[in-house]
Amino acid sequence: MTPSSQTPNLQKVQERASQIQKICQRADAGILLLDDLIGQLEENARSSLLHQYHLKRAGHLLKTEVRSQ
């Protein structure tokens, strides 16, 4: 025997779709805020003296490796 299938209630389907759309909008807003925060943190890190030192050191290492080959 197979269980009887019911046609979905259109109103319930629309309510679920609306709920899912609201959840997705909230998730998108949260992602946008986190993305902005990450951008601020990256900007802050790039402006630090330690980061500048590491970039300069990496540049020197790459120039040395290219010349020695």
N, C-alpha and C. Protein backbone atom coordinates (compact mmCIF):
# COMPACT_ATOMS: atom_id res chain seq x y z
N MET A 1 0.82 -1.19 0.00
CA MET A 1 0.00 0.00 0.00
C MET A 1 0.87 1.26 0.00
N THR A 2 0.44 2.22 -0.74
CA THR A 2 1.16 3.49 -0.75
C THR A 2 0.35 4.52 0.04
N PRO A 3 1.06 5.37 0.78
CA PRO A 3 0.32 6.39 1.54
C PRO A 3 -0.34 7.37 0.59
N SER A 4 -1.50 7.86 0.98
CA SER A 4 -2.21 8.80 0.11
C SER A 4 -1.49 10.15 0.13
N SER A 5 -1.31 10.71 -1.03
CA SER A 5 -0.63 12.00 -1.11
C SER A 5 -1.67 13.11 -1.15
N GLN A 6 -1.36 14.15 -0.41
CA GLN A 6 -2.27 15.29 -0.38
C GLN A 6 -1.66 16.43 -1.18
N THR A 7 -2.50 17.17 -1.82
CA THR A 7 -1.99 18.35 -2.51
C THR A 7 -1.65 19.40 -1.46
N PRO A 8 -0.52 20.08 -1.65
CA PRO A 8 -0.12 21.07 -0.66
C PRO A 8 -1.09 22.23 -0.59
N ASN A 9 -1.26 22.71 0.61
CA ASN A 9 -2.13 23.86 0.83
C ASN A 9 -1.37 25.10 0.35
N LEU A 10 -1.92 25.80 -0.61
CA LEU A 10 -1.26 26.94 -1.22
C LEU A 10 -0.94 28.02 -0.19
N GLN A 11 -1.84 28.25 0.74
CA GLN A 11 -1.62 29.28 1.75
C GLN A 11 -0.42 28.92 2.64
N LYS A 12 -0.30 27.65 3.03
CA LYS A 12 0.82 27.22 3.85
C LYS A 12 2.14 27.33 3.07
N VAL A 13 2.09 26.99 1.79
CA VAL A 13 3.29 27.08 0.96
C VAL A 13 3.73 28.54 0.86
N GLN A 14 2.80 29.44 0.67
CA GLN A 14 3.13 30.86 0.57
C GLN A 14 3.66 31.40 1.91
N GLU A 15 3.10 30.95 3.02
CA GLU A 15 3.58 31.38 4.34
C GLU A 15 5.01 30.90 4.56
N ARG A 16 5.27 29.63 4.21
CA ARG A 16 6.63 29.09 4.35
C ARG A 16 7.61 29.85 3.47
N ALA A 17 7.19 30.13 2.24
CA ALA A 17 8.06 30.87 1.33
C ALA A 17 8.37 32.25 1.89
N SER A 18 7.39 32.90 2.46
CA SER A 18 7.58 34.22 3.06
C SER A 18 8.52 34.13 4.26
N GLN A 19 8.37 33.11 5.09
CA GLN A 19 9.25 32.92 6.25
C GLN A 19 10.69 32.68 5.80
N ILE A 20 10.86 31.86 4.79
CA ILE A 20 12.21 31.56 4.28
C ILE A 20 12.82 32.82 3.69
N GLN A 21 12.03 33.62 2.98
CA GLN A 21 12.53 34.86 2.40
C GLN A 21 13.00 35.83 3.50
N LYS A 22 12.24 35.93 4.59
CA LYS A 22 12.64 36.80 5.70
C LYS A 22 13.92 36.30 6.36
N ILE A 23 14.04 34.99 6.51
CA ILE A 23 15.27 34.41 7.09
C ILE A 23 16.47 34.71 6.19
N CYS A 24 16.29 34.57 4.90
CA CYS A 24 17.39 34.84 3.95
C CYS A 24 17.78 36.32 3.98
N GLN A 25 16.81 37.20 4.09
CA GLN A 25 17.10 38.63 4.16
C GLN A 25 17.89 38.96 5.42
N ARG A 26 17.51 38.36 6.55
CA ARG A 26 18.24 38.58 7.80
C ARG A 26 19.65 38.01 7.71
N ALA A 27 19.80 36.85 7.09
CA ALA A 27 21.12 36.26 6.92
C ALA A 27 21.98 37.15 6.03
N ASP A 28 21.41 37.66 4.95
CA ASP A 28 22.15 38.56 4.07
C ASP A 28 22.60 39.82 4.81
N ALA A 29 21.73 40.37 5.66
CA ALA A 29 22.09 41.56 6.43
C ALA A 29 23.23 41.25 7.39
N GLY A 30 23.17 40.09 8.03
CA GLY A 30 24.24 39.68 8.94
C GLY A 30 25.56 39.49 8.21
N ILE A 31 25.50 38.89 7.04
CA ILE A 31 26.70 38.68 6.23
C ILE A 31 27.29 40.03 5.81
N LEU A 32 26.44 40.97 5.44
CA LEU A 32 26.91 42.29 5.05
C LEU A 32 27.62 42.98 6.21
N LEU A 33 27.07 42.89 7.42
CA LEU A 33 27.71 43.49 8.59
C LEU A 33 29.05 42.83 8.88
N LEU A 34 29.09 41.51 8.80
CA LEU A 34 30.35 40.80 9.04
C LEU A 34 31.39 41.14 7.98
N ASP A 35 30.96 41.25 6.73
CA ASP A 35 31.87 41.60 5.65
C ASP A 35 32.47 42.99 5.88
N ASP A 36 31.65 43.93 6.33
CA ASP A 36 32.14 45.27 6.63
C ASP A 36 33.13 45.23 7.79
N LEU A 37 32.82 44.46 8.81
CA LEU A 37 33.72 44.34 9.96
C LEU A 37 35.06 43.74 9.55
N ILE A 38 35.02 42.72 8.71
CA ILE A 38 36.26 42.10 8.22
C ILE A 38 37.08 43.13 7.44
N GLY A 39 36.40 43.93 6.62
CA GLY A 39 37.10 44.97 5.87
C GLY A 39 37.78 45.98 6.78
N GLN A 40 37.08 46.37 7.84
CA GLN A 40 37.67 47.30 8.80
C GLN A 40 38.88 46.69 9.50
N LEU A 41 38.76 45.43 9.88
CA LEU A 41 39.88 44.76 10.54
C LEU A 41 41.08 44.62 9.61
N GLU A 42 40.82 44.29 8.35
CA GLU A 42 41.91 44.16 7.38
C GLU A 42 42.59 45.51 7.15
N GLU A 43 41.80 46.57 7.07
CA GLU A 43 42.37 47.90 6.89
C GLU A 43 43.23 48.28 8.08
N ASN A 44 42.74 47.97 9.26
CA ASN A 44 43.48 48.25 10.48
C ASN A 44 44.78 47.45 10.51
N ALA A 45 44.72 46.19 10.11
CA ALA A 45 45.91 45.34 10.12
C ALA A 45 46.94 45.84 9.10
N ARG A 46 46.46 46.27 7.92
CA ARG A 46 47.38 46.76 6.89
C ARG A 46 48.10 48.03 7.32
N SER A 47 47.47 48.81 8.17
CA SER A 47 48.10 50.06 8.59
C SER A 47 49.05 49.87 9.77
N SER A 48 49.12 48.67 10.32
CA SER A 48 50.00 48.45 11.47
C SER A 48 51.46 48.40 11.03
N LEU A 49 52.34 48.83 11.91
CA LEU A 49 53.77 48.83 11.61
C LEU A 49 54.29 47.41 11.40
N LEU A 50 53.79 46.47 12.17
CA LEU A 50 54.23 45.08 12.03
C LEU A 50 53.89 44.54 10.64
N HIS A 51 52.72 44.85 10.17
CA HIS A 51 52.32 44.39 8.83
C HIS A 51 53.21 45.04 7.77
N GLN A 52 53.47 46.32 7.92
CA GLN A 52 54.35 47.01 6.97
C GLN A 52 55.74 46.37 6.97
N TYR A 53 56.23 46.02 8.14
CA TYR A 53 57.53 45.36 8.24
C TYR A 53 57.52 44.03 7.49
N HIS A 54 56.47 43.23 7.72
CA HIS A 54 56.38 41.92 7.07
C HIS A 54 56.30 42.06 5.54
N LEU A 55 55.56 43.07 5.07
CA LEU A 55 55.48 43.29 3.62
C LEU A 55 56.84 43.67 3.05
N LYS A 56 57.53 44.56 3.75
CA LYS A 56 58.85 44.98 3.27
C LYS A 56 59.81 43.80 3.27
N ARG A 57 59.78 43.00 4.32
CA ARG A 57 60.65 41.83 4.43
C ARG A 57 60.34 40.82 3.32
N ALA A 58 59.05 40.59 3.06
CA ALA A 58 58.65 39.67 2.00
C ALA A 58 59.15 40.17 0.64
N GLY A 59 59.07 41.47 0.41
CA GLY A 59 59.56 42.04 -0.83
C GLY A 59 61.06 41.83 -0.99
N HIS A 60 61.80 42.02 0.10
CA HIS A 60 63.24 41.80 0.04
C HIS A 60 63.56 40.33 -0.23
N LEU A 61 62.82 39.43 0.41
CA LEU A 61 63.07 38.00 0.20
C LEU A 61 62.79 37.60 -1.24
N LEU A 62 61.72 38.12 -1.81
CA LEU A 62 61.40 37.78 -3.19
C LEU A 62 62.43 38.33 -4.16
N LYS A 63 62.89 39.53 -3.92
CA LYS A 63 63.91 40.11 -4.80
C LYS A 63 65.21 39.29 -4.72
N THR A 64 65.55 38.84 -3.51
CA THR A 64 66.75 38.05 -3.33
C THR A 64 66.61 36.71 -4.05
N GLU A 65 65.43 36.08 -3.93
CA GLU A 65 65.24 34.78 -4.56
C GLU A 65 65.27 34.90 -6.07
N VAL A 66 64.73 35.95 -6.62
CA VAL A 66 64.69 36.12 -8.07
C VAL A 66 66.11 36.33 -8.60
N ARG A 67 66.92 37.10 -7.90
CA ARG A 67 68.28 37.37 -8.35
C ARG A 67 69.16 36.11 -8.27
N SER A 68 68.93 35.27 -7.27
CA SER A 68 69.81 34.11 -7.08
C SER A 68 69.53 32.99 -8.07
N GLN A 69 68.40 33.04 -8.77
CA GLN A 69 68.06 31.96 -9.71
C GLN A 69 68.74 32.12 -10.95
